[in-house]
Amino acid sequence: MDSITSLQNPKVKAVVALQQKSSERRKLGLFVVEGLREVEHCLEAGYQLDSVFVCPTLLGTKSFHTEAPCYEVTPEVYEKMAYRGGTEGIIAVVKARSHALETLKLGKTPLIIVLESVEKPGNLGAILRSADAAHADAVIVCDPLTDLYNPNLIRSSIGAIFTVPCVTCTSEDCIRFLKGRGIKILTAQLQDSHLYYDTDMRSGTAIVMGTESTGLTNQWRKAADAHIRIPMLGRLDSLNVSVSAAILLFEAVRQRQTSP
C-alpha cells in the first residue's frame, strides 16, 4: 500500500475536486463515499471502486479489503480530503452508474416516492433513509436540482442511496412510466385533497411530493389519481418534505400490513 503524506498530492486534490464540484463528478464519472458502513453498502449494491484512501490512525482495528488501488494517508491528509468528520478513516472513489427509469425492477404492488425538483441534498438523503426503512421499491427524482452523488446527500442518507433504487428523469417521462404500469399517482398537496389515511395505498402506489417553497407543478396535479394531505393543526401550513415523506410512506406500510 502506497503512502500519501502531502496535502499537495494530485490524488488528494482530485478527491477534493470530486467532493466539491458536480461538474467534476459528471465529467469523470466518479464520486466519493466516506465511511466503512457506506462503502460496504456501496459494494453490496454492485458499484466498482476506483481507488481507496485509508487512515490507519482513524480506522483503528477495523479492516477493509479491496482489489482497487489503496493508499495510506495521514490524519492531516484525510482531514483535507474528507467532506465530514467521524467517517472512520476510509474514503473511496467510486465509479458512477446510470440511474434511468428502465433500470427499475418493481414488484406487483410497488411503493414509490416521486420527488419533483428536489432542492436540498440533505432532504433527499433523509427521504432515502425513510424509503429504506419502509422497504419502498424506488425513489424517482424528477427534474433534479442536485445530483445523486452529492456528498451531502450520501452523508445524510447514511448509505441508503445504495440500498434503495433511485433514478432521475423528467416529470413527463415519469408520469408516462407510472401510468403505463397502472401505478396509482397520489400527489401531496393542500388544495382539493383528502386526508392521507382515508386514501387506499395497498395497490401499486406512487406518492408524489414537490418542493417546500412552491409545491408541485400543474402537470402532476392533473396526472394524479388522488390528492392527499397531512392535517396541519398548528399555525404553520407545511412540514419538512422529508418528514412528510416518512409519514406517508409508513401509512402505506400500515395499510399493507393490516389488509386482509
C-alpha atoms as a PDB file:
ATOM      1  CA  MET A   1       0.000   0.000   0.000  1.00  0.00           C
ATOM      2  CA  ASP A   2       1.484   3.321  -1.106  1.00  0.00           C
ATOM      3  CA  SER A   3       1.540   6.208   1.369  1.00  0.00           C
ATOM      4  CA  ILE A   4       0.451   9.808   0.839  1.00  0.00           C
ATOM      5  CA  THR A   5       1.677  12.431   3.277  1.00  0.00           C
ATOM      6  CA  SER A   6       1.494  15.653   1.260  1.00  0.00           C
ATOM      7  CA  LEU A   7      -1.601  17.846   1.083  1.00  0.00           C
ATOM      8  CA  GLN A   8      -0.471  18.869  -2.397  1.00  0.00           C
ATOM      9  CA  ASN A   9      -0.527  15.334  -3.784  1.00  0.00           C
ATOM     10  CA  PRO A  10      -2.517  15.264  -7.083  1.00  0.00           C
ATOM     11  CA  LYS A  11      -4.658  12.380  -5.851  1.00  0.00           C
ATOM     12  CA  VAL A  12      -5.653  14.385  -2.793  1.00  0.00           C
ATOM     13  CA  LYS A  13      -6.571  17.372  -4.954  1.00  0.00           C
ATOM     14  CA  ALA A  14      -8.586  15.119  -7.267  1.00  0.00           C
ATOM     15  CA  VAL A  15     -10.683  13.756  -4.379  1.00  0.00           C
ATOM     16  CA  VAL A  16     -11.309  17.286  -3.068  1.00  0.00           C
ATOM     17  CA  ALA A  17     -12.468  18.360  -6.537  1.00  0.00           C
ATOM     18  CA  LEU A  18     -14.886  15.419  -6.721  1.00  0.00           C
ATOM     19  CA  GLN A  19     -16.275  16.326  -3.319  1.00  0.00           C
ATOM     20  CA  GLN A  20     -16.808  19.973  -4.219  1.00  0.00           C
ATOM     21  CA  LYS A  21     -17.837  20.025  -7.887  1.00  0.00           C
ATOM     22  CA  SER A  22     -20.756  18.216  -9.514  1.00  0.00           C
ATOM     23  CA  SER A  23     -19.255  19.110 -12.902  1.00  0.00           C
ATOM     24  CA  GLU A  24     -16.122  17.161 -11.993  1.00  0.00           C
ATOM     25  CA  ARG A  25     -18.213  14.171 -10.939  1.00  0.00           C
ATOM     26  CA  ARG A  26     -20.130  14.222 -14.225  1.00  0.00           C
ATOM     27  CA  LYS A  27     -17.018  14.706 -16.345  1.00  0.00           C
ATOM     28  CA  LEU A  28     -15.066  11.839 -14.800  1.00  0.00           C
ATOM     29  CA  GLY A  29     -17.972   9.541 -13.952  1.00  0.00           C
ATOM     30  CA  LEU A  30     -16.678   9.249 -10.395  1.00  0.00           C
ATOM     31  CA  PHE A  31     -17.901  10.174  -6.931  1.00  0.00           C
ATOM     32  CA  VAL A  32     -16.709   9.886  -3.330  1.00  0.00           C
ATOM     33  CA  VAL A  33     -18.036   7.766  -0.469  1.00  0.00           C
ATOM     34  CA  GLU A  34     -16.833   8.176   3.117  1.00  0.00           C
ATOM     35  CA  GLY A  35     -17.192   5.741   5.995  1.00  0.00           C
ATOM     36  CA  LEU A  36     -16.861   1.993   6.327  1.00  0.00           C
ATOM     37  CA  ARG A  37     -20.601   1.305   6.515  1.00  0.00           C
ATOM     38  CA  GLU A  38     -21.347   3.482   3.495  1.00  0.00           C
ATOM     39  CA  VAL A  39     -18.567   1.911   1.415  1.00  0.00           C
ATOM     40  CA  GLU A  40     -19.795  -1.573   2.300  1.00  0.00           C
ATOM     41  CA  HIS A  41     -23.371  -0.666   1.263  1.00  0.00           C
ATOM     42  CA  CYS A  42     -21.922   0.717  -1.965  1.00  0.00           C
ATOM     43  CA  LEU A  43     -20.109  -2.540  -2.716  1.00  0.00           C
ATOM     44  CA  GLU A  44     -23.171  -4.635  -1.830  1.00  0.00           C
ATOM     45  CA  ALA A  45     -25.129  -2.617  -4.401  1.00  0.00           C
ATOM     46  CA  GLY A  46     -22.643  -3.671  -7.082  1.00  0.00           C
ATOM     47  CA  TYR A  47     -20.639  -0.471  -7.504  1.00  0.00           C
ATOM     48  CA  GLN A  48     -16.984  -0.673  -8.508  1.00  0.00           C
ATOM     49  CA  LEU A  49     -14.262   1.149  -6.606  1.00  0.00           C
ATOM     50  CA  ASP A  50     -11.746   3.253  -8.490  1.00  0.00           C
ATOM     51  CA  SER A  51      -9.421   3.818  -5.519  1.00  0.00           C
ATOM     52  CA  VAL A  52      -9.450   3.790  -1.712  1.00  0.00           C
ATOM     53  CA  PHE A  53      -7.741   6.005   0.868  1.00  0.00           C
ATOM     54  CA  VAL A  54      -7.276   4.705   4.400  1.00  0.00           C
ATOM     55  CA  CYS A  55      -6.104   6.493   7.530  1.00  0.00           C
ATOM     56  CA  PRO A  56      -4.954   3.742   9.951  1.00  0.00           C
ATOM     57  CA  THR A  57      -4.995   6.158  12.886  1.00  0.00           C
ATOM     58  CA  LEU A  58      -8.745   6.719  12.411  1.00  0.00           C
ATOM     59  CA  LEU A  59      -9.675   3.259  11.126  1.00  0.00           C
ATOM     60  CA  GLY A  60      -8.192   1.611  14.195  1.00  0.00           C
ATOM     61  CA  THR A  61      -8.605  -2.157  14.411  1.00  0.00           C
ATOM     62  CA  LYS A  62     -11.288  -2.303  11.724  1.00  0.00           C
ATOM     63  CA  SER A  63     -10.237  -3.876   8.458  1.00  0.00           C
ATOM     64  CA  PHE A  64     -11.185  -3.346   4.843  1.00  0.00           C
ATOM     65  CA  HIS A  65     -10.058  -5.367   1.843  1.00  0.00           C
ATOM     66  CA  THR A  66     -10.297  -4.332  -1.791  1.00  0.00           C
ATOM     67  CA  GLU A  67      -8.636  -5.106  -5.103  1.00  0.00           C
ATOM     68  CA  ALA A  68      -8.785  -1.422  -6.078  1.00  0.00           C
ATOM     69  CA  PRO A  69      -5.632   0.707  -5.661  1.00  0.00           C
ATOM     70  CA  CYS A  70      -5.354   1.565  -1.967  1.00  0.00           C
ATOM     71  CA  TYR A  71      -3.402   4.403  -0.375  1.00  0.00           C
ATOM     72  CA  GLU A  72      -2.484   5.018   3.246  1.00  0.00           C
ATOM     73  CA  VAL A  73      -2.883   8.661   4.303  1.00  0.00           C
ATOM     74  CA  THR A  74      -2.029  10.685   7.376  1.00  0.00           C
ATOM     75  CA  PRO A  75      -4.743  12.232   9.590  1.00  0.00           C
ATOM     76  CA  GLU A  76      -3.905  15.645   8.104  1.00  0.00           C
ATOM     77  CA  VAL A  77      -4.331  14.395   4.536  1.00  0.00           C
ATOM     78  CA  TYR A  78      -7.529  12.583   5.474  1.00  0.00           C
ATOM     79  CA  GLU A  79      -8.967  15.744   7.020  1.00  0.00           C
ATOM     80  CA  LYS A  80      -8.180  17.604   3.802  1.00  0.00           C
ATOM     81  CA  MET A  81      -9.981  15.001   1.674  1.00  0.00           C
ATOM     82  CA  ALA A  82     -12.975  14.294   3.917  1.00  0.00           C
ATOM     83  CA  TYR A  83     -16.269  16.095   3.448  1.00  0.00           C
ATOM     84  CA  ARG A  84     -17.268  15.406   7.026  1.00  0.00           C
ATOM     85  CA  GLY A  85     -15.682  14.305  10.275  1.00  0.00           C
ATOM     86  CA  GLY A  86     -16.046  10.992  12.045  1.00  0.00           C
ATOM     87  CA  THR A  87     -16.043   8.787   8.963  1.00  0.00           C
ATOM     88  CA  GLU A  88     -13.866   6.004  10.355  1.00  0.00           C
ATOM     89  CA  GLY A  89     -10.796   6.758   8.299  1.00  0.00           C
ATOM     90  CA  ILE A  90     -11.831   5.398   4.902  1.00  0.00           C
ATOM     91  CA  ILE A  91     -12.651   7.266   1.687  1.00  0.00           C
ATOM     92  CA  ALA A  92     -13.472   5.518  -1.592  1.00  0.00           C
ATOM     93  CA  VAL A  93     -13.588   6.956  -5.093  1.00  0.00           C
ATOM     94  CA  VAL A  94     -16.377   5.066  -6.866  1.00  0.00           C
ATOM     95  CA  LYS A  95     -17.378   4.622 -10.498  1.00  0.00           C
ATOM     96  CA  ALA A  96     -20.795   6.155 -11.195  1.00  0.00           C
ATOM     97  CA  ARG A  97     -23.643   4.187 -12.759  1.00  0.00           C
ATOM     98  CA  SER A  98     -26.662   5.034 -14.886  1.00  0.00           C
ATOM     99  CA  HIS A  99     -29.824   5.958 -12.977  1.00  0.00           C
ATOM    100  CA  ALA A 100     -32.611   5.599 -15.549  1.00  0.00           C
ATOM    101  CA  LEU A 101     -36.246   4.528 -15.281  1.00  0.00           C
ATOM    102  CA  GLU A 102     -35.526   1.499 -17.441  1.00  0.00           C
ATOM    103  CA  THR A 103     -33.236   0.084 -14.747  1.00  0.00           C
ATOM    104  CA  LEU A 104     -36.028  -0.184 -12.146  1.00  0.00           C
ATOM    105  CA  LYS A 105     -37.286  -3.631 -11.221  1.00  0.00           C
ATOM    106  CA  LEU A 106     -40.632  -3.322  -9.483  1.00  0.00           C
ATOM    107  CA  GLY A 107     -42.815  -5.813  -7.628  1.00  0.00           C
ATOM    108  CA  LYS A 108     -46.521  -6.490  -8.210  1.00  0.00           C
ATOM    109  CA  THR A 109     -47.704  -3.683  -5.901  1.00  0.00           C
ATOM    110  CA  PRO A 110     -44.776  -1.253  -5.818  1.00  0.00           C
ATOM    111  CA  LEU A 111     -44.469   1.582  -3.328  1.00  0.00           C
ATOM    112  CA  ILE A 112     -42.614   4.524  -4.869  1.00  0.00           C
ATOM    113  CA  ILE A 113     -41.702   8.011  -3.727  1.00  0.00           C
ATOM    114  CA  VAL A 114     -41.524  10.610  -6.510  1.00  0.00           C
ATOM    115  CA  LEU A 115     -39.852  13.959  -5.860  1.00  0.00           C
ATOM    116  CA  GLU A 116     -40.191  16.875  -8.251  1.00  0.00           C
ATOM    117  CA  SER A 117     -37.297  19.352  -8.449  1.00  0.00           C
ATOM    118  CA  VAL A 118     -35.901  18.474  -5.035  1.00  0.00           C
ATOM    119  CA  GLU A 119     -33.579  21.282  -3.967  1.00  0.00           C
ATOM    120  CA  LYS A 120     -31.707  20.186  -0.858  1.00  0.00           C
ATOM    121  CA  PRO A 121     -29.493  17.100  -0.939  1.00  0.00           C
ATOM    122  CA  GLY A 122     -29.951  16.686   2.815  1.00  0.00           C
ATOM    123  CA  ASN A 123     -33.712  16.327   2.361  1.00  0.00           C
ATOM    124  CA  LEU A 124     -33.273  13.753  -0.380  1.00  0.00           C
ATOM    125  CA  GLY A 125     -30.845  11.812   1.795  1.00  0.00           C
ATOM    126  CA  ALA A 126     -33.335  11.775   4.682  1.00  0.00           C
ATOM    127  CA  ILE A 127     -36.134  10.625   2.353  1.00  0.00           C
ATOM    128  CA  LEU A 128     -33.945   7.776   1.124  1.00  0.00           C
ATOM    129  CA  ARG A 129     -33.446   6.648   4.736  1.00  0.00           C
ATOM    130  CA  SER A 130     -37.213   6.576   5.250  1.00  0.00           C
ATOM    131  CA  ALA A 131     -37.682   4.764   1.928  1.00  0.00           C
ATOM    132  CA  ASP A 132     -35.196   2.130   3.061  1.00  0.00           C
ATOM    133  CA  ALA A 133     -36.944   1.741   6.417  1.00  0.00           C
ATOM    134  CA  ALA A 134     -40.345   1.378   4.699  1.00  0.00           C
ATOM    135  CA  HIS A 135     -38.856  -1.030   2.138  1.00  0.00           C
ATOM    136  CA  ALA A 136     -40.056   1.170  -0.725  1.00  0.00           C
ATOM    137  CA  ASP A 137     -39.407  -0.143  -4.221  1.00  0.00           C
ATOM    138  CA  ALA A 138     -37.841   3.049  -5.549  1.00  0.00           C
ATOM    139  CA  VAL A 139     -37.308   6.775  -5.254  1.00  0.00           C
ATOM    140  CA  ILE A 140     -37.722   8.681  -8.520  1.00  0.00           C
ATOM    141  CA  VAL A 141     -36.291  12.197  -8.702  1.00  0.00           C
ATOM    142  CA  CYS A 142     -37.859  14.275 -11.471  1.00  0.00           C
ATOM    143  CA  ASP A 143     -36.109  17.317 -12.935  1.00  0.00           C
ATOM    144  CA  PRO A 144     -33.492  17.222 -10.145  1.00  0.00           C
ATOM    145  CA  LEU A 145     -31.684  20.324  -8.923  1.00  0.00           C
ATOM    146  CA  THR A 146     -28.974  18.263  -7.230  1.00  0.00           C
ATOM    147  CA  ASP A 147     -27.050  15.203  -8.424  1.00  0.00           C
ATOM    148  CA  LEU A 148     -27.413  11.838  -6.737  1.00  0.00           C
ATOM    149  CA  TYR A 149     -23.711  11.726  -5.887  1.00  0.00           C
ATOM    150  CA  ASN A 150     -23.640  14.987  -3.916  1.00  0.00           C
ATOM    151  CA  PRO A 151     -21.545  14.224  -0.814  1.00  0.00           C
ATOM    152  CA  ASN A 152     -24.131  15.789   1.495  1.00  0.00           C
ATOM    153  CA  LEU A 153     -26.798  13.510   0.022  1.00  0.00           C
ATOM    154  CA  ILE A 154     -24.622  10.431   0.542  1.00  0.00           C
ATOM    155  CA  ARG A 155     -23.808  11.567   4.090  1.00  0.00           C
ATOM    156  CA  SER A 156     -27.413  12.299   5.098  1.00  0.00           C
ATOM    157  CA  SER A 157     -28.665   9.040   3.572  1.00  0.00           C
ATOM    158  CA  ILE A 158     -26.047   7.054   5.585  1.00  0.00           C
ATOM    159  CA  GLY A 159     -25.752   4.766   2.590  1.00  0.00           C
ATOM    160  CA  ALA A 160     -29.463   4.468   1.693  1.00  0.00           C
ATOM    161  CA  ILE A 161     -28.636   5.913  -1.739  1.00  0.00           C
ATOM    162  CA  PHE A 162     -27.153   2.455  -2.359  1.00  0.00           C
ATOM    163  CA  THR A 163     -29.864   0.351  -0.667  1.00  0.00           C
ATOM    164  CA  VAL A 164     -32.910   1.960  -2.341  1.00  0.00           C
ATOM    165  CA  PRO A 165     -33.189   2.015  -6.162  1.00  0.00           C
ATOM    166  CA  CYS A 166     -33.035   5.706  -7.052  1.00  0.00           C
ATOM    167  CA  VAL A 167     -33.348   7.115 -10.567  1.00  0.00           C
ATOM    168  CA  THR A 168     -33.714  10.501 -12.262  1.00  0.00           C
ATOM    169  CA  CYS A 169     -35.877  11.541 -15.198  1.00  0.00           C
ATOM    170  CA  THR A 170     -38.232  14.254 -16.417  1.00  0.00           C
ATOM    171  CA  SER A 171     -41.702  14.588 -14.929  1.00  0.00           C
ATOM    172  CA  GLU A 172     -43.222  13.775 -18.319  1.00  0.00           C
ATOM    173  CA  ASP A 173     -41.301  10.511 -18.587  1.00  0.00           C
ATOM    174  CA  CYS A 174     -42.159   9.576 -15.009  1.00  0.00           C
ATOM    175  CA  ILE A 175     -45.893  10.159 -15.487  1.00  0.00           C
ATOM    176  CA  ARG A 176     -45.814   8.045 -18.646  1.00  0.00           C
ATOM    177  CA  PHE A 177     -43.875   5.313 -16.812  1.00  0.00           C
ATOM    178  CA  LEU A 178     -46.295   5.173 -13.863  1.00  0.00           C
ATOM    179  CA  LYS A 179     -49.493   5.255 -15.912  1.00  0.00           C
ATOM    180  CA  GLY A 180     -48.153   2.657 -18.318  1.00  0.00           C
ATOM    181  CA  ARG A 181     -47.764   0.263 -15.379  1.00  0.00           C
ATOM    182  CA  GLY A 182     -51.060   1.047 -13.718  1.00  0.00           C
ATOM    183  CA  ILE A 183     -49.418   2.598 -10.668  1.00  0.00           C
ATOM    184  CA  LYS A 184     -51.725   4.950  -8.748  1.00  0.00           C
ATOM    185  CA  ILE A 185     -50.401   8.537  -8.542  1.00  0.00           C
ATOM    186  CA  LEU A 186     -51.061  10.302  -5.227  1.00  0.00           C
ATOM    187  CA  THR A 187     -49.951  13.932  -5.067  1.00  0.00           C
ATOM    188  CA  ALA A 188     -49.273  15.505  -1.679  1.00  0.00           C
ATOM    189  CA  GLN A 189     -50.925  18.942  -1.742  1.00  0.00           C
ATOM    190  CA  LEU A 190     -53.172  21.131   0.364  1.00  0.00           C
ATOM    191  CA  GLN A 191     -55.642  22.136  -2.344  1.00  0.00           C
ATOM    192  CA  ASP A 192     -58.584  19.911  -3.306  1.00  0.00           C
ATOM    193  CA  SER A 193     -57.241  16.993  -1.278  1.00  0.00           C
ATOM    194  CA  HIS A 194     -58.306  14.197   1.069  1.00  0.00           C
ATOM    195  CA  LEU A 195     -56.706  13.131   4.326  1.00  0.00           C
ATOM    196  CA  TYR A 196     -53.893  10.706   3.600  1.00  0.00           C
ATOM    197  CA  TYR A 197     -55.166   7.977   5.923  1.00  0.00           C
ATOM    198  CA  ASP A 198     -58.501   7.904   4.075  1.00  0.00           C
ATOM    199  CA  THR A 199     -56.761   7.054   0.794  1.00  0.00           C
ATOM    200  CA  ASP A 200     -56.113   3.452  -0.295  1.00  0.00           C
ATOM    201  CA  MET A 201     -52.374   2.786  -0.734  1.00  0.00           C
ATOM    202  CA  ARG A 202     -52.494  -1.011  -0.867  1.00  0.00           C
ATOM    203  CA  SER A 203     -52.163  -1.344  -4.635  1.00  0.00           C
ATOM    204  CA  GLY A 204     -49.186  -0.081  -6.657  1.00  0.00           C
ATOM    205  CA  THR A 205     -48.733   3.485  -5.436  1.00  0.00           C
ATOM    206  CA  ALA A 206     -46.515   6.458  -6.223  1.00  0.00           C
ATOM    207  CA  ILE A 207     -46.511   9.216  -3.603  1.00  0.00           C
ATOM    208  CA  VAL A 208     -45.514  12.443  -5.331  1.00  0.00           C
ATOM    209  CA  MET A 209     -44.065  15.416  -3.474  1.00  0.00           C
ATOM    210  CA  GLY A 210     -42.828  18.825  -4.577  1.00  0.00           C
ATOM    211  CA  THR A 211     -40.578  21.450  -3.074  1.00  0.00           C
ATOM    212  CA  GLU A 212     -41.458  23.073   0.242  1.00  0.00           C
ATOM    213  CA  SER A 213     -41.427  26.522  -1.349  1.00  0.00           C
ATOM    214  CA  THR A 214     -43.588  26.016  -4.450  1.00  0.00           C
ATOM    215  CA  GLY A 215     -45.132  22.552  -4.167  1.00  0.00           C
ATOM    216  CA  LEU A 216     -45.967  20.504  -7.246  1.00  0.00           C
ATOM    217  CA  THR A 217     -46.418  21.784 -10.778  1.00  0.00           C
ATOM    218  CA  ASN A 218     -49.785  21.544 -12.514  1.00  0.00           C
ATOM    219  CA  GLN A 219     -48.731  18.625 -14.691  1.00  0.00           C
ATOM    220  CA  TRP A 220     -48.528  16.420 -11.601  1.00  0.00           C
ATOM    221  CA  ARG A 221     -51.779  17.744 -10.139  1.00  0.00           C
ATOM    222  CA  LYS A 222     -53.563  16.929 -13.413  1.00  0.00           C
ATOM    223  CA  ALA A 223     -51.946  13.492 -13.712  1.00  0.00           C
ATOM    224  CA  ALA A 224     -52.891  12.460 -10.178  1.00  0.00           C
ATOM    225  CA  ASP A 225     -55.427   9.757  -9.381  1.00  0.00           C
ATOM    226  CA  ALA A 226     -55.955  11.392  -5.985  1.00  0.00           C
ATOM    227  CA  HIS A 227     -54.712  14.380  -3.986  1.00  0.00           C
ATOM    228  CA  ILE A 228     -53.748  13.752  -0.363  1.00  0.00           C
ATOM    229  CA  ARG A 229     -52.804  15.928   2.591  1.00  0.00           C
ATOM    230  CA  ILE A 230     -51.453  15.625   6.112  1.00  0.00           C
ATOM    231  CA  PRO A 231     -53.653  17.517   8.611  1.00  0.00           C
ATOM    232  CA  MET A 232     -51.923  20.626   9.949  1.00  0.00           C
ATOM    233  CA  LEU A 233     -53.349  21.506  13.357  1.00  0.00           C
ATOM    234  CA  GLY A 234     -50.955  24.287  14.293  1.00  0.00           C
ATOM    235  CA  ARG A 235     -50.331  27.739  12.876  1.00  0.00           C
ATOM    236  CA  LEU A 236     -47.925  26.598  10.129  1.00  0.00           C
ATOM    237  CA  ASP A 237     -49.151  25.096   6.875  1.00  0.00           C
ATOM    238  CA  SER A 238     -46.358  22.706   5.917  1.00  0.00           C
ATOM    239  CA  LEU A 239     -43.858  20.138   7.158  1.00  0.00           C
ATOM    240  CA  ASN A 240     -40.325  19.463   6.024  1.00  0.00           C
ATOM    241  CA  VAL A 241     -40.609  17.353   2.872  1.00  0.00           C
ATOM    242  CA  SER A 242     -38.594  14.515   4.398  1.00  0.00           C
ATOM    243  CA  VAL A 243     -40.918  14.375   7.430  1.00  0.00           C
ATOM    244  CA  SER A 244     -43.976  14.368   5.169  1.00  0.00           C
ATOM    245  CA  ALA A 245     -42.499  11.586   3.063  1.00  0.00           C
ATOM    246  CA  ALA A 246     -41.893   9.439   6.157  1.00  0.00           C
ATOM    247  CA  ILE A 247     -45.474   9.916   7.378  1.00  0.00           C
ATOM    248  CA  LEU A 248     -46.968   8.963   4.011  1.00  0.00           C
ATOM    249  CA  LEU A 249     -44.631   6.021   3.451  1.00  0.00           C
ATOM    250  CA  PHE A 250     -45.479   4.452   6.779  1.00  0.00           C
ATOM    251  CA  GLU A 251     -49.195   4.942   6.251  1.00  0.00           C
ATOM    252  CA  ALA A 252     -48.765   2.810   3.134  1.00  0.00           C
ATOM    253  CA  VAL A 253     -46.839   0.261   5.203  1.00  0.00           C
ATOM    254  CA  ARG A 254     -49.592   0.243   7.864  1.00  0.00           C
ATOM    255  CA  GLN A 255     -52.323  -0.323   5.305  1.00  0.00           C
ATOM    256  CA  ARG A 256     -50.455  -3.116   3.604  1.00  0.00           C
ATOM    257  CA  GLN A 257     -49.662  -4.902   6.863  1.00  0.00           C
ATOM    258  CA  THR A 258     -53.249  -4.736   8.132  1.00  0.00           C
ATOM    259  CA  SER A 259     -55.039  -5.517   4.866  1.00  0.00           C
ATOM    260  CA  PRO A 260     -56.699  -8.981   4.645  1.00  0.00           C
END
